[in-house]
């Protein structure tokens, strides 16, 4: 029995040692927190019937890295590589139907204690704009929300960014929320 336990422990230790990456051999002495620190949406009301390009984009959005323990030593291992983002939608009017979430990959690097500005970030694409409830606002579909009877749909957009520090820790922003009105 002892031999079996020792063999199992040795196997676990070998798997752990062999799975280390070269860039995580060093350790950082603190963590970072990502936050959406600033955004510029441009036009807030978007008429769906003239939205031929079928994308809603933010003019610019800034992600900030905050060092959790500023008195501790920092290193480049605390830099964050952005991997993806998600936009979820919630009705802020009387309706209940919402577009399906947008999930997309993104490239970027947020240095520890620094920022990264993203221009032209897609907040909605064809999957969101060509399907209910927003497709109801198209003239060909009547020009009003079939659920509420209103020619305007008000949505709260919640954007979350996901990344990983160079030392291998997963990080994400809290959702940044703002309201957008869509009209026929």
Protein backbone atom coordinates (compact mmCIF):
# COMPACT_ATOMS: atom_id res chain seq x y z
CA UNK A 1 0.00 0.00 0.00
CA UNK A 2 2.84 2.42 0.88
CA UNK A 3 4.49 1.72 -2.47
CA UNK A 4 1.22 2.56 -4.29
CA UNK A 5 0.82 5.86 -2.39
CA UNK A 6 4.46 6.84 -3.05
CA UNK A 7 4.11 6.00 -6.74
CA UNK A 8 0.93 8.08 -7.02
CA UNK A 9 2.54 11.06 -5.25
CA UNK A 10 5.62 10.83 -7.47
CA UNK A 11 3.39 10.78 -10.55
CA UNK A 12 1.51 13.88 -9.40
CA UNK A 13 4.77 15.74 -8.70
CA UNK A 14 6.17 14.83 -12.13
CA UNK A 15 3.03 16.04 -13.93
CA UNK A 16 3.16 19.32 -11.97
CA UNK A 17 6.84 19.89 -12.71
CA UNK A 18 6.50 19.10 -16.40
CA UNK A 19 3.46 21.34 -16.88
CA UNK A 20 5.25 24.59 -15.87
CA UNK A 21 5.79 27.11 -18.64
CA UNK A 22 9.10 28.94 -18.99
CA UNK A 23 7.45 32.36 -18.63
CA UNK A 24 5.83 31.44 -15.29
CA UNK A 25 8.98 30.15 -13.60
CA UNK A 26 9.45 33.59 -12.03
CA UNK A 27 6.84 34.75 -9.54
CA UNK A 28 5.34 38.18 -9.23
CA UNK A 29 4.70 39.60 -5.79
CA UNK A 30 1.31 41.18 -6.33
CA UNK A 31 -1.79 41.23 -8.44
CA UNK A 32 -3.63 43.59 -10.70
CA UNK A 33 -7.24 44.53 -11.18
CA UNK A 34 -8.64 45.48 -14.61
CA UNK A 35 -11.26 48.18 -14.94
CA UNK A 36 -12.95 50.04 -17.78
CA UNK A 37 -11.87 53.55 -16.87
CA UNK A 38 -13.27 55.61 -19.75
CA UNK A 39 -15.46 55.21 -22.81
CA UNK A 40 -16.85 57.32 -25.63
CA UNK A 41 -19.85 55.84 -27.40
CA UNK A 42 -20.48 58.64 -29.85
CA UNK A 43 -24.14 58.54 -30.97
CA UNK A 44 -26.33 57.08 -28.22
CA UNK A 45 -29.59 56.71 -30.21
CA UNK A 46 -29.14 54.40 -33.18
CA UNK A 47 -31.89 54.22 -35.83
CA UNK A 48 -32.04 50.55 -36.83
CA UNK A 49 -33.71 51.23 -40.20
CA UNK A 50 -30.69 53.19 -41.50
CA UNK A 51 -28.02 51.02 -39.88
CA UNK A 52 -26.81 49.46 -43.16
CA UNK A 53 -23.38 48.51 -41.84
CA UNK A 54 -25.00 46.34 -39.13
CA UNK A 55 -22.46 47.10 -36.43
CA UNK A 56 -22.68 49.29 -33.33
CA UNK A 57 -19.24 50.38 -32.16
CA UNK A 58 -17.79 52.40 -29.32
CA UNK A 59 -15.63 55.24 -30.59
CA UNK A 60 -13.05 54.47 -27.91
CA UNK A 61 -12.78 52.56 -24.66
CA UNK A 62 -9.93 52.59 -22.12
CA UNK A 63 -8.99 49.64 -19.91
CA UNK A 64 -6.86 50.40 -16.88
CA UNK A 65 -4.69 48.04 -14.83
CA UNK A 66 -4.61 48.87 -11.12
CA UNK A 67 -1.88 47.36 -8.95
CA UNK A 68 -3.59 45.87 -5.90
CA UNK A 69 -0.63 46.39 -3.55
CA UNK A 70 1.27 49.48 -4.73
CA UNK A 71 3.83 49.18 -1.90
CA UNK A 72 4.92 45.70 -3.06
CA UNK A 73 7.46 45.24 -5.85
CA UNK A 74 5.99 45.00 -9.35
CA UNK A 75 7.19 43.27 -12.49
CA UNK A 76 6.32 42.84 -16.14
CA UNK A 77 4.69 39.53 -15.17
CA UNK A 78 1.76 41.66 -13.95
CA UNK A 79 1.07 42.93 -17.50
CA UNK A 80 -2.26 41.65 -18.83
CA UNK A 81 -2.77 40.15 -22.27
CA UNK A 82 -6.38 40.74 -23.32
CA UNK A 83 -8.01 37.61 -24.77
CA UNK A 84 -11.72 38.24 -25.28
CA UNK A 85 -14.71 40.34 -24.34
CA UNK A 86 -18.43 39.79 -23.86
CA UNK A 87 -21.37 42.16 -24.22
CA UNK A 88 -24.61 41.16 -22.50
CA UNK A 89 -27.88 43.01 -23.02
CA UNK A 90 -30.70 43.78 -20.58
CA UNK A 91 -33.94 45.60 -21.31
CA UNK A 92 -34.42 48.85 -19.39
CA UNK A 93 -37.87 49.47 -20.82
CA UNK A 94 -41.06 47.40 -20.45
CA UNK A 95 -39.82 44.60 -22.74
CA UNK A 96 -38.23 41.29 -21.82
CA UNK A 97 -36.76 40.01 -25.11
CA UNK A 98 -33.03 40.72 -25.55
CA UNK A 99 -30.43 40.10 -28.24
CA UNK A 100 -28.11 37.15 -27.70
CA UNK A 101 -24.77 38.09 -26.06
CA UNK A 102 -21.82 39.08 -28.22
CA UNK A 103 -18.57 37.23 -27.46
CA UNK A 104 -15.46 38.02 -29.49
CA UNK A 105 -11.70 37.73 -29.28
CA UNK A 106 -9.53 40.78 -28.76
CA UNK A 107 -5.84 41.53 -28.80
CA UNK A 108 -4.17 43.99 -26.50
CA UNK A 109 -1.74 44.46 -23.66
CA UNK A 110 -2.46 46.41 -20.50
CA UNK A 111 0.81 47.12 -18.69
CA UNK A 112 0.71 46.89 -14.89
CA UNK A 113 -0.40 50.28 -13.59
CA UNK A 114 -1.09 51.47 -17.18
CA UNK A 115 -3.88 51.64 -19.75
CA UNK A 116 -4.84 50.34 -23.18
CA UNK A 117 -7.25 52.26 -25.42
CA UNK A 118 -9.37 50.33 -27.89
CA UNK A 119 -10.87 52.23 -30.82
CA UNK A 120 -13.91 51.03 -32.76
CA UNK A 121 -14.86 48.18 -30.42
CA UNK A 122 -17.89 46.27 -31.74
CA UNK A 123 -20.74 46.33 -29.21
CA UNK A 124 -23.36 44.75 -31.49
CA UNK A 125 -23.06 42.90 -34.76
CA UNK A 126 -25.41 41.37 -37.32
CA UNK A 127 -26.42 38.55 -34.93
CA UNK A 128 -27.84 41.10 -32.53
CA UNK A 129 -29.26 43.64 -35.01
CA UNK A 130 -30.88 41.25 -37.53
CA UNK A 131 -32.74 39.24 -34.87
CA UNK A 132 -35.51 39.96 -32.38
CA UNK A 133 -36.18 42.25 -30.71
CA UNK A 134 -34.19 44.82 -32.75
CA UNK A 135 -35.28 43.42 -36.12
CA UNK A 136 -38.86 44.38 -35.15
CA UNK A 137 -37.83 48.03 -35.55
CA UNK A 138 -37.08 47.64 -39.25
CA UNK A 139 -39.67 49.29 -41.50
CA UNK A 140 -40.24 46.02 -43.35
CA UNK A 141 -41.18 44.37 -40.01
CA UNK A 142 -43.57 47.11 -38.91
CA UNK A 143 -41.17 49.57 -37.26
CA UNK A 144 -42.16 48.82 -33.66
CA UNK A 145 -41.33 46.34 -30.90
CA UNK A 146 -43.94 43.58 -31.18
CA UNK A 147 -43.71 42.93 -27.44
CA UNK A 148 -44.26 46.50 -26.17
CA UNK A 149 -45.73 48.30 -29.19
CA UNK A 150 -43.07 51.01 -28.88
CA UNK A 151 -40.94 52.33 -31.78
CA UNK A 152 -38.00 52.52 -29.34
CA UNK A 153 -36.11 49.71 -27.57
CA UNK A 154 -33.89 50.70 -24.64
CA UNK A 155 -31.09 48.31 -23.72
CA UNK A 156 -28.40 48.28 -21.07
CA UNK A 157 -25.12 46.99 -22.51
CA UNK A 158 -22.71 45.34 -20.05
CA UNK A 159 -19.15 44.83 -21.36
CA UNK A 160 -16.69 42.50 -19.63
CA UNK A 161 -13.07 42.05 -20.75
CA UNK A 162 -11.10 38.88 -20.05
CA UNK A 163 -7.34 38.47 -19.99
CA UNK A 164 -4.40 36.78 -18.35
CA UNK A 165 -1.34 38.17 -16.61
CA UNK A 166 2.00 37.10 -18.03
CA UNK A 167 2.41 35.03 -14.86
CA UNK A 168 -0.71 33.06 -15.82
CA UNK A 169 -3.44 34.52 -13.58
CA UNK A 170 -6.85 34.99 -15.21
CA UNK A 171 -8.31 38.48 -14.76
CA UNK A 172 -11.53 40.16 -15.85
CA UNK A 173 -13.12 43.57 -15.54
CA UNK A 174 -16.34 44.11 -13.71
CA UNK A 175 -19.07 44.74 -16.30
CA UNK A 176 -19.09 48.33 -17.57
CA UNK A 177 -22.76 49.25 -18.08
CA UNK A 178 -24.45 51.93 -20.14
CA UNK A 179 -27.81 52.43 -21.83
CA UNK A 180 -28.47 52.73 -25.56
CA UNK A 181 -31.76 53.50 -27.32
CA UNK A 182 -32.68 51.96 -30.66
CA UNK A 183 -35.45 53.48 -32.76
CA UNK A 184 -37.28 52.66 -35.99
